[in-house]
């Protein structure tokens, strides 16, 4: 069982389904009971494509007071490109550690899968060649994902209760933004517990949330939860074809597409998300292979640019959507 918190007063518990009616009668303060869910992690020229260099060159590189929390599988802070930007770290795997196939360390904030380190490098790598889009900020490592062994393969997996606990911690640390590069099944009408959590994070505490549209494309109606959030920014993936030009861009085949189950249009915008070079976890044990190809949660870069124009969370989101339309 887990309970919290500053963002959304909630309790996660494993209970027999038949006990719920009695629970609701005995605890009148319970407003809603929702099913728990599991999510999968979703994963050079991209920095030029989104125009990051023009902003970082002008000094808008995410000052040391800018805190971005990566809600993921942890961060390998020993990576040379990340040893500076990584700040406070915490582990939230109370639910995940009970999962069948759990192959991680519930007591370590290190990354045993690689997805979290990859995302962290995209956000704040200080390497001169593979530079993060907000290299001057500080990373918060909210480890809520884990390495899962399933049918002989390793996957990045996250449990809703752990994601919410990590997000609550990030808010308490003063995070300006959180990035969630994960998604999973469920009705995309904004009613899931995880989606409601991100709504509260944005609306009540003013934390910008950048979420993935998911990797279930190319069919319509394939945006995943919690990408159905009303007020978080949901980013789809485009393929920049290895060039900074916009003329050859195309939507990645795997990128989640709308409409949502309630008819809304998502994602809010698309940004480079395929074949992105970023930090590899446990880089030293890989024969000094520091860099791997993967995906780009570019909504964080978009947020950074909008925030420089207006520091208010909702105004930043509006700036982004206005720029997308233009």
C-alpha atoms as a PDB file:
ATOM      1  CA  UNK A   1       0.000   0.000   0.000  1.00  0.00           C
ATOM      2  CA  UNK A   2       1.188   3.528  -0.762  1.00  0.00           C
ATOM      3  CA  UNK A   3      -0.403   6.816   0.223  1.00  0.00           C
ATOM      4  CA  UNK A   4       0.076  10.529  -0.510  1.00  0.00           C
ATOM      5  CA  UNK A   5       0.320  13.434  -0.909  1.00  0.00           C
ATOM      6  CA  UNK A   6       0.622  17.073  -1.843  1.00  0.00           C
ATOM      7  CA  UNK A   7      -0.556  16.628  -5.442  1.00  0.00           C
ATOM      8  CA  UNK A   8      -3.501  14.253  -5.110  1.00  0.00           C
ATOM      9  CA  UNK A   9      -4.674  12.785  -1.807  1.00  0.00           C
ATOM     10  CA  UNK A  10      -4.750   9.098  -2.713  1.00  0.00           C
ATOM     11  CA  UNK A  11      -4.092   5.583  -1.504  1.00  0.00           C
ATOM     12  CA  UNK A  12      -2.957   2.639  -3.627  1.00  0.00           C
ATOM     13  CA  UNK A  13      -3.783  -0.805  -2.291  1.00  0.00           C
ATOM     14  CA  UNK A  14      -4.208  -4.391  -3.478  1.00  0.00           C
ATOM     15  CA  UNK A  15      -7.688  -5.467  -2.328  1.00  0.00           C
ATOM     16  CA  UNK A  16     -10.220  -8.165  -3.236  1.00  0.00           C
ATOM     17  CA  UNK A  17     -12.727  -6.623  -5.620  1.00  0.00           C
ATOM     18  CA  UNK A  18     -15.595  -7.735  -3.398  1.00  0.00           C
ATOM     19  CA  UNK A  19     -14.341  -5.614  -0.506  1.00  0.00           C
ATOM     20  CA  UNK A  20     -14.823  -2.298  -2.290  1.00  0.00           C
ATOM     21  CA  UNK A  21     -18.525  -1.698  -1.440  1.00  0.00           C
ATOM     22  CA  UNK A  22     -17.822  -2.186   2.269  1.00  0.00           C
ATOM     23  CA  UNK A  23     -14.774   0.064   2.038  1.00  0.00           C
ATOM     24  CA  UNK A  24     -16.816   2.873   0.531  1.00  0.00           C
ATOM     25  CA  UNK A  25     -19.388   2.553   3.312  1.00  0.00           C
ATOM     26  CA  UNK A  26     -16.824   2.491   6.110  1.00  0.00           C
ATOM     27  CA  UNK A  27     -14.652   5.316   4.770  1.00  0.00           C
ATOM     28  CA  UNK A  28     -16.991   8.111   3.642  1.00  0.00           C
ATOM     29  CA  UNK A  29     -14.078  10.371   2.710  1.00  0.00           C
ATOM     30  CA  UNK A  30     -13.282   8.129  -0.286  1.00  0.00           C
ATOM     31  CA  UNK A  31     -14.434  10.105  -3.321  1.00  0.00           C
ATOM     32  CA  UNK A  32     -13.560   7.625  -6.043  1.00  0.00           C
ATOM     33  CA  UNK A  33     -12.094   4.155  -6.565  1.00  0.00           C
ATOM     34  CA  UNK A  34     -10.130   3.669  -9.773  1.00  0.00           C
ATOM     35  CA  UNK A  35      -8.237   0.678 -11.211  1.00  0.00           C
ATOM     36  CA  UNK A  36      -4.462   0.631 -10.999  1.00  0.00           C
ATOM     37  CA  UNK A  37      -2.427   0.488 -14.217  1.00  0.00           C
ATOM     38  CA  UNK A  38       1.010  -0.449 -15.527  1.00  0.00           C
ATOM     39  CA  UNK A  39       2.915   1.592 -18.119  1.00  0.00           C
ATOM     40  CA  UNK A  40       5.757   0.938 -20.532  1.00  0.00           C
ATOM     41  CA  UNK A  41       8.698   3.250 -21.136  1.00  0.00           C
ATOM     42  CA  UNK A  42       8.441   4.951 -24.551  1.00  0.00           C
ATOM     43  CA  UNK A  43      11.549   5.988 -26.239  1.00  0.00           C
ATOM     44  CA  UNK A  44      22.403  15.285 -32.912  1.00  0.00           C
ATOM     45  CA  UNK A  45      20.209  16.760 -35.519  1.00  0.00           C
ATOM     46  CA  UNK A  46      17.177  16.996 -33.304  1.00  0.00           C
ATOM     47  CA  UNK A  47      18.683  19.834 -31.276  1.00  0.00           C
ATOM     48  CA  UNK A  48      19.075  21.862 -34.462  1.00  0.00           C
ATOM     49  CA  UNK A  49      15.624  20.871 -35.688  1.00  0.00           C
ATOM     50  CA  UNK A  50      13.890  22.297 -32.614  1.00  0.00           C
ATOM     51  CA  UNK A  51      16.050  25.423 -32.742  1.00  0.00           C
ATOM     52  CA  UNK A  52      17.732  24.811 -29.395  1.00  0.00           C
ATOM     53  CA  UNK A  53      21.057  26.387 -30.355  1.00  0.00           C
ATOM     54  CA  UNK A  54      19.536  29.810 -30.981  1.00  0.00           C
ATOM     55  CA  UNK A  55      18.173  29.808 -27.440  1.00  0.00           C
ATOM     56  CA  UNK A  56      21.182  28.333 -25.655  1.00  0.00           C
ATOM     57  CA  UNK A  57      23.451  30.719 -27.580  1.00  0.00           C
ATOM     58  CA  UNK A  58      21.479  33.612 -26.130  1.00  0.00           C
ATOM     59  CA  UNK A  59      21.941  32.253 -22.620  1.00  0.00           C
ATOM     60  CA  UNK A  60      18.567  30.520 -22.246  1.00  0.00           C
ATOM     61  CA  UNK A  61      19.916  27.088 -21.393  1.00  0.00           C
ATOM     62  CA  UNK A  62      17.949  26.311 -18.246  1.00  0.00           C
ATOM     63  CA  UNK A  63      19.536  28.187 -15.357  1.00  0.00           C
ATOM     64  CA  UNK A  64      20.726  26.367 -12.252  1.00  0.00           C
ATOM     65  CA  UNK A  65      17.416  27.300 -10.648  1.00  0.00           C
ATOM     66  CA  UNK A  66      15.478  25.353 -13.305  1.00  0.00           C
ATOM     67  CA  UNK A  67      14.533  21.901 -11.992  1.00  0.00           C
ATOM     68  CA  UNK A  68      13.315  19.186 -14.350  1.00  0.00           C
ATOM     69  CA  UNK A  69      12.344  15.806 -12.915  1.00  0.00           C
ATOM     70  CA  UNK A  70      12.704  12.713 -15.090  1.00  0.00           C
ATOM     71  CA  UNK A  71      10.062  10.190 -14.000  1.00  0.00           C
ATOM     72  CA  UNK A  72      11.647   7.051 -15.375  1.00  0.00           C
ATOM     73  CA  UNK A  73      13.889   4.048 -14.689  1.00  0.00           C
ATOM     74  CA  UNK A  74      16.557   6.052 -12.859  1.00  0.00           C
ATOM     75  CA  UNK A  75      19.646   7.933 -14.028  1.00  0.00           C
ATOM     76  CA  UNK A  76      23.243   6.733 -14.254  1.00  0.00           C
ATOM     77  CA  UNK A  77      24.784   9.812 -12.633  1.00  0.00           C
ATOM     78  CA  UNK A  78      28.295   8.398 -13.180  1.00  0.00           C
ATOM     79  CA  UNK A  79      27.992   9.195 -16.893  1.00  0.00           C
ATOM     80  CA  UNK A  80      30.498  11.977 -17.707  1.00  0.00           C
ATOM     81  CA  UNK A  81      27.818  14.055 -19.429  1.00  0.00           C
ATOM     82  CA  UNK A  82      25.452  13.852 -16.456  1.00  0.00           C
ATOM     83  CA  UNK A  83      27.611  14.019 -13.343  1.00  0.00           C
ATOM     84  CA  UNK A  84      27.067  17.776 -13.068  1.00  0.00           C
ATOM     85  CA  UNK A  85      23.355  18.253 -13.830  1.00  0.00           C
ATOM     86  CA  UNK A  86      21.966  15.469 -11.614  1.00  0.00           C
ATOM     87  CA  UNK A  87      20.640  16.786  -8.313  1.00  0.00           C
ATOM     88  CA  UNK A  88      18.421  15.082  -5.715  1.00  0.00           C
ATOM     89  CA  UNK A  89      17.552  11.432  -6.364  1.00  0.00           C
ATOM     90  CA  UNK A  90      14.878   9.216  -4.838  1.00  0.00           C
ATOM     91  CA  UNK A  91      13.402   5.754  -5.461  1.00  0.00           C
ATOM     92  CA  UNK A  92       9.696   4.904  -5.642  1.00  0.00           C
ATOM     93  CA  UNK A  93       9.251   1.207  -6.390  1.00  0.00           C
ATOM     94  CA  UNK A  94       6.913  -0.022  -3.666  1.00  0.00           C
ATOM     95  CA  UNK A  95       4.395  -1.262  -6.222  1.00  0.00           C
ATOM     96  CA  UNK A  96       6.876  -2.115  -8.966  1.00  0.00           C
ATOM     97  CA  UNK A  97       9.030  -4.306  -6.750  1.00  0.00           C
ATOM     98  CA  UNK A  98       6.027  -6.620  -6.315  1.00  0.00           C
ATOM     99  CA  UNK A  99       5.649  -7.154 -10.064  1.00  0.00           C
ATOM    100  CA  UNK A 100       6.297 -10.566 -11.559  1.00  0.00           C
ATOM    101  CA  UNK A 101       9.548 -10.337 -13.516  1.00  0.00           C
ATOM    102  CA  UNK A 102      10.970  -7.447 -11.465  1.00  0.00           C
ATOM    103  CA  UNK A 103      14.712  -7.440 -12.275  1.00  0.00           C
ATOM    104  CA  UNK A 104      15.905  -4.190 -10.735  1.00  0.00           C
ATOM    105  CA  UNK A 105      17.117  -2.918  -7.354  1.00  0.00           C
ATOM    106  CA  UNK A 106      14.367  -1.314  -5.276  1.00  0.00           C
ATOM    107  CA  UNK A 107      16.966   0.318  -3.019  1.00  0.00           C
ATOM    108  CA  UNK A 108      19.091   1.932  -5.741  1.00  0.00           C
ATOM    109  CA  UNK A 109      18.492   5.108  -7.741  1.00  0.00           C
ATOM    110  CA  UNK A 110      20.786   3.805 -10.502  1.00  0.00           C
ATOM    111  CA  UNK A 111      19.402   2.929 -13.931  1.00  0.00           C
ATOM    112  CA  UNK A 112      19.471  -0.804 -14.702  1.00  0.00           C
ATOM    113  CA  UNK A 113      17.385  -0.492 -17.862  1.00  0.00           C
ATOM    114  CA  UNK A 114      18.751   2.558 -19.697  1.00  0.00           C
ATOM    115  CA  UNK A 115      15.615   4.465 -20.664  1.00  0.00           C
ATOM    116  CA  UNK A 116      15.847   7.014 -17.855  1.00  0.00           C
ATOM    117  CA  UNK A 117      19.503   7.810 -18.533  1.00  0.00           C
ATOM    118  CA  UNK A 118      18.754   8.237 -22.226  1.00  0.00           C
ATOM    119  CA  UNK A 119      15.947  10.697 -21.488  1.00  0.00           C
ATOM    120  CA  UNK A 120      18.089  12.555 -18.935  1.00  0.00           C
ATOM    121  CA  UNK A 121      20.857  13.043 -21.492  1.00  0.00           C
ATOM    122  CA  UNK A 122      18.425  14.465 -24.012  1.00  0.00           C
ATOM    123  CA  UNK A 123      17.271  16.988 -21.456  1.00  0.00           C
ATOM    124  CA  UNK A 124      20.551  18.042 -19.837  1.00  0.00           C
ATOM    125  CA  UNK A 125      23.670  16.361 -21.256  1.00  0.00           C
ATOM    126  CA  UNK A 126      26.673  18.673 -20.890  1.00  0.00           C
ATOM    127  CA  UNK A 127      28.669  16.909 -23.623  1.00  0.00           C
ATOM    128  CA  UNK A 128      29.956  19.322 -26.271  1.00  0.00           C
ATOM    129  CA  UNK A 129      28.830  17.105 -29.174  1.00  0.00           C
ATOM    130  CA  UNK A 130      25.660  15.478 -27.845  1.00  0.00           C
ATOM    131  CA  UNK A 131      24.366  18.426 -25.896  1.00  0.00           C
ATOM    132  CA  UNK A 132      21.122  18.433 -23.951  1.00  0.00           C
ATOM    133  CA  UNK A 133      18.511  21.014 -24.838  1.00  0.00           C
ATOM    134  CA  UNK A 134      18.484  22.524 -21.327  1.00  0.00           C
ATOM    135  CA  UNK A 135      22.062  21.820 -20.305  1.00  0.00           C
ATOM    136  CA  UNK A 136      22.238  24.574 -17.685  1.00  0.00           C
ATOM    137  CA  UNK A 137      19.496  23.235 -15.422  1.00  0.00           C
ATOM    138  CA  UNK A 138      19.340  20.642 -12.665  1.00  0.00           C
ATOM    139  CA  UNK A 139      17.907  17.140 -13.038  1.00  0.00           C
ATOM    140  CA  UNK A 140      15.795  15.496 -10.380  1.00  0.00           C
ATOM    141  CA  UNK A 141      15.944  11.700 -10.578  1.00  0.00           C
ATOM    142  CA  UNK A 142      12.542  10.378  -9.586  1.00  0.00           C
ATOM    143  CA  UNK A 143      13.115   6.665 -10.156  1.00  0.00           C
ATOM    144  CA  UNK A 144       9.699   5.058 -10.468  1.00  0.00           C
ATOM    145  CA  UNK A 145      10.405   2.683 -13.346  1.00  0.00           C
ATOM    146  CA  UNK A 146      12.194  -0.639 -13.330  1.00  0.00           C
ATOM    147  CA  UNK A 147      13.699  -3.333 -15.504  1.00  0.00           C
ATOM    148  CA  UNK A 148      11.139  -6.058 -16.142  1.00  0.00           C
ATOM    149  CA  UNK A 149      12.013  -9.515 -17.466  1.00  0.00           C
ATOM    150  CA  UNK A 150       9.247 -10.904 -19.650  1.00  0.00           C
ATOM    151  CA  UNK A 151       9.558 -13.903 -21.975  1.00  0.00           C
ATOM    152  CA  UNK A 152      13.339 -13.597 -22.092  1.00  0.00           C
ATOM    153  CA  UNK A 153      13.452  -9.862 -22.854  1.00  0.00           C
ATOM    154  CA  UNK A 154      13.960  -6.805 -20.660  1.00  0.00           C
ATOM    155  CA  UNK A 155      11.464  -3.955 -20.725  1.00  0.00           C
ATOM    156  CA  UNK A 156      11.131  -0.641 -18.936  1.00  0.00           C
ATOM    157  CA  UNK A 157       7.992  -0.773 -16.803  1.00  0.00           C
ATOM    158  CA  UNK A 158       6.259   1.598 -14.380  1.00  0.00           C
ATOM    159  CA  UNK A 159       3.343   1.231 -11.971  1.00  0.00           C
ATOM    160  CA  UNK A 160       0.828   4.059 -11.585  1.00  0.00           C
ATOM    161  CA  UNK A 161       1.193   4.263  -7.794  1.00  0.00           C
ATOM    162  CA  UNK A 162       4.967   4.652  -8.081  1.00  0.00           C
ATOM    163  CA  UNK A 163       4.685   7.298 -10.806  1.00  0.00           C
ATOM    164  CA  UNK A 164       2.352   9.326  -8.604  1.00  0.00           C
ATOM    165  CA  UNK A 165       4.608   8.965  -5.560  1.00  0.00           C
ATOM    166  CA  UNK A 166       7.594  10.174  -7.599  1.00  0.00           C
ATOM    167  CA  UNK A 167       5.633  13.067  -9.067  1.00  0.00           C
ATOM    168  CA  UNK A 168       4.502  14.084  -5.602  1.00  0.00           C
ATOM    169  CA  UNK A 169       8.123  14.042  -4.434  1.00  0.00           C
ATOM    170  CA  UNK A 170       9.179  16.142  -7.449  1.00  0.00           C
ATOM    171  CA  UNK A 171       6.562  18.761  -6.618  1.00  0.00           C
ATOM    172  CA  UNK A 172       7.852  18.873  -3.052  1.00  0.00           C
ATOM    173  CA  UNK A 173      11.383  19.411  -4.378  1.00  0.00           C
ATOM    174  CA  UNK A 174      10.184  22.479  -6.282  1.00  0.00           C
ATOM    175  CA  UNK A 175      10.312  20.974  -9.784  1.00  0.00           C
ATOM    176  CA  UNK A 176       9.452  23.381 -12.591  1.00  0.00           C
ATOM    177  CA  UNK A 177       8.683  20.531 -14.975  1.00  0.00           C
ATOM    178  CA  UNK A 178       8.344  16.760 -15.068  1.00  0.00           C
ATOM    179  CA  UNK A 179       8.872  14.519 -18.065  1.00  0.00           C
ATOM    180  CA  UNK A 180       6.949  11.283 -18.499  1.00  0.00           C
ATOM    181  CA  UNK A 181       8.089   9.214 -21.482  1.00  0.00           C
ATOM    182  CA  UNK A 182       5.761   6.290 -20.854  1.00  0.00           C
ATOM    183  CA  UNK A 183       2.238   5.149 -21.590  1.00  0.00           C
ATOM    184  CA  UNK A 184      -0.209   2.308 -21.396  1.00  0.00           C
ATOM    185  CA  UNK A 185      -3.704   1.121 -22.112  1.00  0.00           C
ATOM    186  CA  UNK A 186      -6.940   2.504 -20.793  1.00  0.00           C
ATOM    187  CA  UNK A 187      -9.835   4.702 -21.810  1.00  0.00           C
ATOM    188  CA  UNK A 188      -8.438   8.004 -23.083  1.00  0.00           C
ATOM    189  CA  UNK A 189     -11.098  10.363 -21.786  1.00  0.00           C
ATOM    190  CA  UNK A 190      -9.118  11.925 -18.948  1.00  0.00           C
ATOM    191  CA  UNK A 191     -10.718   9.758 -16.266  1.00  0.00           C
ATOM    192  CA  UNK A 192      -7.867   7.427 -15.262  1.00  0.00           C
ATOM    193  CA  UNK A 193      -6.248   7.880 -11.868  1.00  0.00           C
ATOM    194  CA  UNK A 194      -2.859   8.604 -13.432  1.00  0.00           C
ATOM    195  CA  UNK A 195      -4.266  11.217 -15.787  1.00  0.00           C
ATOM    196  CA  UNK A 196      -6.118  12.887 -12.914  1.00  0.00           C
ATOM    197  CA  UNK A 197      -2.838  12.989 -11.000  1.00  0.00           C
ATOM    198  CA  UNK A 198      -1.113  14.932 -13.761  1.00  0.00           C
ATOM    199  CA  UNK A 199      -4.122  17.248 -13.988  1.00  0.00           C
ATOM    200  CA  UNK A 200      -3.695  18.053 -10.289  1.00  0.00           C
ATOM    201  CA  UNK A 201       0.066  18.471 -10.691  1.00  0.00           C
ATOM    202  CA  UNK A 202      -0.453  21.074 -13.415  1.00  0.00           C
ATOM    203  CA  UNK A 203      -3.610  22.809 -12.208  1.00  0.00           C
ATOM    204  CA  UNK A 204      -3.037  22.931  -8.456  1.00  0.00           C
ATOM    205  CA  UNK A 205       0.743  23.231  -8.204  1.00  0.00           C
ATOM    206  CA  UNK A 206       1.711  24.836 -11.521  1.00  0.00           C
ATOM    207  CA  UNK A 207       4.232  22.147 -12.475  1.00  0.00           C
ATOM    208  CA  UNK A 208       4.611  21.764 -16.232  1.00  0.00           C
ATOM    209  CA  UNK A 209       4.078  18.148 -17.340  1.00  0.00           C
ATOM    210  CA  UNK A 210       5.462  16.888 -20.657  1.00  0.00           C
ATOM    211  CA  UNK A 211       3.972  13.502 -21.539  1.00  0.00           C
ATOM    212  CA  UNK A 212       4.392  11.057 -24.408  1.00  0.00           C
ATOM    213  CA  UNK A 213       1.696  10.310 -26.958  1.00  0.00           C
ATOM    214  CA  UNK A 214       2.881   6.700 -26.857  1.00  0.00           C
ATOM    215  CA  UNK A 215       4.366   4.255 -29.342  1.00  0.00           C
ATOM    216  CA  UNK A 216       1.205   2.472 -30.491  1.00  0.00           C
ATOM    217  CA  UNK A 217       0.790   4.116 -33.930  1.00  0.00           C
ATOM    218  CA  UNK A 218       0.208   4.361 -36.817  1.00  0.00           C
ATOM    219  CA  UNK A 219      -3.545   3.799 -36.488  1.00  0.00           C
ATOM    220  CA  UNK A 220      -5.944   6.525 -35.320  1.00  0.00           C
ATOM    221  CA  UNK A 221      -6.933   6.521 -31.665  1.00  0.00           C
ATOM    222  CA  UNK A 222      -3.578   5.239 -30.394  1.00  0.00           C
ATOM    223  CA  UNK A 223      -2.564   7.927 -27.876  1.00  0.00           C
ATOM    224  CA  UNK A 224      -1.900   6.189 -24.550  1.00  0.00           C
ATOM    225  CA  UNK A 225      -2.664   7.050 -20.918  1.00  0.00           C
ATOM    226  CA  UNK A 226      -1.669   9.524 -19.418  1.00  0.00           C
ATOM    227  CA  UNK A 227      -1.191  11.329 -22.729  1.00  0.00           C
ATOM    228  CA  UNK A 228      -4.938  12.037 -22.630  1.00  0.00           C
ATOM    229  CA  UNK A 229      -4.392  14.716 -19.986  1.00  0.00           C
ATOM    230  CA  UNK A 230      -6.296  17.950 -20.556  1.00  0.00           C
ATOM    231  CA  UNK A 231      -3.614  20.332 -19.302  1.00  0.00           C
ATOM    232  CA  UNK A 232      -0.322  18.475 -19.612  1.00  0.00           C
ATOM    233  CA  UNK A 233       1.487  18.871 -22.929  1.00  0.00           C
ATOM    234  CA  UNK A 234       1.346  15.663 -24.984  1.00  0.00           C
ATOM    235  CA  UNK A 235       4.119  15.255 -27.551  1.00  0.00           C
ATOM    236  CA  UNK A 236       4.082  13.009 -30.593  1.00  0.00           C
ATOM    237  CA  UNK A 237       7.192  11.909 -32.467  1.00  0.00           C
ATOM    238  CA  UNK A 238       8.411  13.120 -35.832  1.00  0.00           C
ATOM    239  CA  UNK A 239      11.346  11.812 -37.849  1.00  0.00           C
ATOM    240  CA  UNK A 240      13.704  14.649 -38.831  1.00  0.00           C
ATOM    241  CA  UNK A 241      15.517  12.378 -41.343  1.00  0.00           C
ATOM    242  CA  UNK A 242      18.863  13.390 -39.876  1.00  0.00           C
ATOM    243  CA  UNK A 243      18.681  16.985 -41.089  1.00  0.00           C
ATOM    244  CA  UNK A 244      17.855  20.333 -39.489  1.00  0.00           C
ATOM    245  CA  UNK A 245      15.506  21.213 -42.346  1.00  0.00           C
ATOM    246  CA  UNK A 246      11.769  21.000 -41.699  1.00  0.00           C
ATOM    247  CA  UNK A 247      10.903  20.189 -45.309  1.00  0.00           C
ATOM    248  CA  UNK A 248      11.630  16.458 -45.016  1.00  0.00           C
ATOM    249  CA  UNK A 249      10.050  15.863 -41.598  1.00  0.00           C
ATOM    250  CA  UNK A 250       7.411  13.168 -41.253  1.00  0.00           C
ATOM    251  CA  UNK A 251       5.378  11.711 -38.405  1.00  0.00           C
ATOM    252  CA  UNK A 252       7.089   8.641 -36.959  1.00  0.00           C
ATOM    253  CA  UNK A 253       5.151   5.490 -37.820  1.00  0.00           C
ATOM    254  CA  UNK A 254       5.074   4.394 -34.177  1.00  0.00           C
ATOM    255  CA  UNK A 255       3.860   7.712 -32.781  1.00  0.00           C
ATOM    256  CA  UNK A 256       0.467   7.694 -31.057  1.00  0.00           C
ATOM    257  CA  UNK A 257      -2.293   9.485 -32.945  1.00  0.00           C
ATOM    258  CA  UNK A 258      -5.652  10.950 -31.990  1.00  0.00           C
ATOM    259  CA  UNK A 259      -8.478  11.377 -31.628  1.00  0.00           C
ATOM    260  CA  UNK A 260      -8.983  10.448 -27.975  1.00  0.00           C
ATOM    261  CA  UNK A 261     -11.944   8.384 -26.833  1.00  0.00           C
ATOM    262  CA  UNK A 262     -13.804  11.563 -25.868  1.00  0.00           C
ATOM    263  CA  UNK A 263     -13.148  13.148 -29.267  1.00  0.00           C
ATOM    264  CA  UNK A 264     -10.360  15.537 -28.280  1.00  0.00           C
ATOM    265  CA  UNK A 265      -7.372  16.073 -30.539  1.00  0.00           C
ATOM    266  CA  UNK A 266      -3.996  14.885 -29.288  1.00  0.00           C
ATOM    267  CA  UNK A 267      -1.016  15.072 -29.393  1.00  0.00           C
ATOM    268  CA  UNK A 268      -0.619  18.808 -28.805  1.00  0.00           C
ATOM    269  CA  UNK A 269       2.572  19.009 -30.849  1.00  0.00           C
ATOM    270  CA  UNK A 270       5.219  16.805 -32.443  1.00  0.00           C
ATOM    271  CA  UNK A 271       8.982  17.011 -32.120  1.00  0.00           C
ATOM    272  CA  UNK A 272      11.985  14.855 -33.113  1.00  0.00           C
ATOM    273  CA  UNK A 273      11.557  11.442 -31.523  1.00  0.00           C
ATOM    274  CA  UNK A 274      13.390   8.831 -33.612  1.00  0.00           C
ATOM    275  CA  UNK A 275      17.063   7.819 -33.893  1.00  0.00           C
ATOM    276  CA  UNK A 276      18.214  10.285 -31.251  1.00  0.00           C
ATOM    277  CA  UNK A 277      21.732   9.958 -29.838  1.00  0.00           C
ATOM    278  CA  UNK A 278      21.899  10.294 -26.065  1.00  0.00           C
ATOM    279  CA  UNK A 279      23.539   8.910 -22.933  1.00  0.00           C
ATOM    280  CA  UNK A 280      23.835   5.166 -22.362  1.00  0.00           C
ATOM    281  CA  UNK A 281      23.401   3.817 -18.835  1.00  0.00           C
ATOM    282  CA  UNK A 282      26.344   1.947 -17.298  1.00  0.00           C
ATOM    283  CA  UNK A 283      28.430   3.470 -20.090  1.00  0.00           C
ATOM    284  CA  UNK A 284      31.728   2.297 -18.624  1.00  0.00           C
ATOM    285  CA  UNK A 285      30.677  -1.374 -18.590  1.00  0.00           C
ATOM    286  CA  UNK A 286      29.742  -1.046 -22.262  1.00  0.00           C
ATOM    287  CA  UNK A 287      33.354  -0.549 -23.278  1.00  0.00           C
ATOM    288  CA  UNK A 288      33.076   3.242 -22.939  1.00  0.00           C
ATOM    289  CA  UNK A 289      30.074   3.261 -25.292  1.00  0.00           C
ATOM    290  CA  UNK A 290      28.579   6.435 -23.883  1.00  0.00           C
ATOM    291  CA  UNK A 291      25.914   7.008 -26.507  1.00  0.00           C
ATOM    292  CA  UNK A 292      22.940   5.108 -27.836  1.00  0.00           C
ATOM    293  CA  UNK A 293      20.187   5.870 -30.334  1.00  0.00           C
ATOM    294  CA  UNK A 294      16.699   6.345 -28.993  1.00  0.00           C
ATOM    295  CA  UNK A 295      13.782   8.731 -28.639  1.00  0.00           C
ATOM    296  CA  UNK A 296      13.543  12.427 -27.841  1.00  0.00           C
ATOM    297  CA  UNK A 297      11.059  13.796 -25.278  1.00  0.00           C
ATOM    298  CA  UNK A 298      11.276  17.195 -26.977  1.00  0.00           C
ATOM    299  CA  UNK A 299       8.287  18.600 -25.137  1.00  0.00           C
ATOM    300  CA  UNK A 300      10.731  19.507 -22.361  1.00  0.00           C
ATOM    301  CA  UNK A 301      12.756  21.597 -24.825  1.00  0.00           C
ATOM    302  CA  UNK A 302       9.589  23.243 -26.059  1.00  0.00           C
ATOM    303  CA  UNK A 303       8.589  24.000 -22.477  1.00  0.00           C
ATOM    304  CA  UNK A 304      11.970  25.546 -21.760  1.00  0.00           C
ATOM    305  CA  UNK A 305      11.628  27.973 -24.664  1.00  0.00           C
ATOM    306  CA  UNK A 306       8.078  28.889 -23.724  1.00  0.00           C
ATOM    307  CA  UNK A 307       9.006  29.369 -20.076  1.00  0.00           C
ATOM    308  CA  UNK A 308      11.686  31.884 -21.005  1.00  0.00           C
ATOM    309  CA  UNK A 309       8.912  33.869 -22.699  1.00  0.00           C
ATOM    310  CA  UNK A 310       6.479  33.499 -19.791  1.00  0.00           C
ATOM    311  CA  UNK A 311       7.245  31.657 -16.541  1.00  0.00           C
ATOM    312  CA  UNK A 312       3.627  30.813 -15.760  1.00  0.00           C
ATOM    313  CA  UNK A 313       2.818  27.179 -16.465  1.00  0.00           C
ATOM    314  CA  UNK A 314      -0.477  27.680 -18.310  1.00  0.00           C
ATOM    315  CA  UNK A 315       0.837  30.644 -20.281  1.00  0.00           C
ATOM    316  CA  UNK A 316       3.893  28.601 -21.255  1.00  0.00           C
ATOM    317  CA  UNK A 317       1.620  25.855 -22.542  1.00  0.00           C
ATOM    318  CA  UNK A 318      -0.428  28.354 -24.546  1.00  0.00           C
ATOM    319  CA  UNK A 319       2.742  29.831 -26.033  1.00  0.00           C
ATOM    320  CA  UNK A 320       3.778  26.373 -27.220  1.00  0.00           C
ATOM    321  CA  UNK A 321       0.459  25.589 -28.835  1.00  0.00           C
ATOM    322  CA  UNK A 322       0.399  28.996 -30.496  1.00  0.00           C
ATOM    323  CA  UNK A 323       3.902  28.400 -31.900  1.00  0.00           C
ATOM    324  CA  UNK A 324       2.808  24.973 -33.140  1.00  0.00           C
ATOM    325  CA  UNK A 325      -0.121  26.503 -35.028  1.00  0.00           C
ATOM    326  CA  UNK A 326       2.157  29.108 -36.582  1.00  0.00           C
END
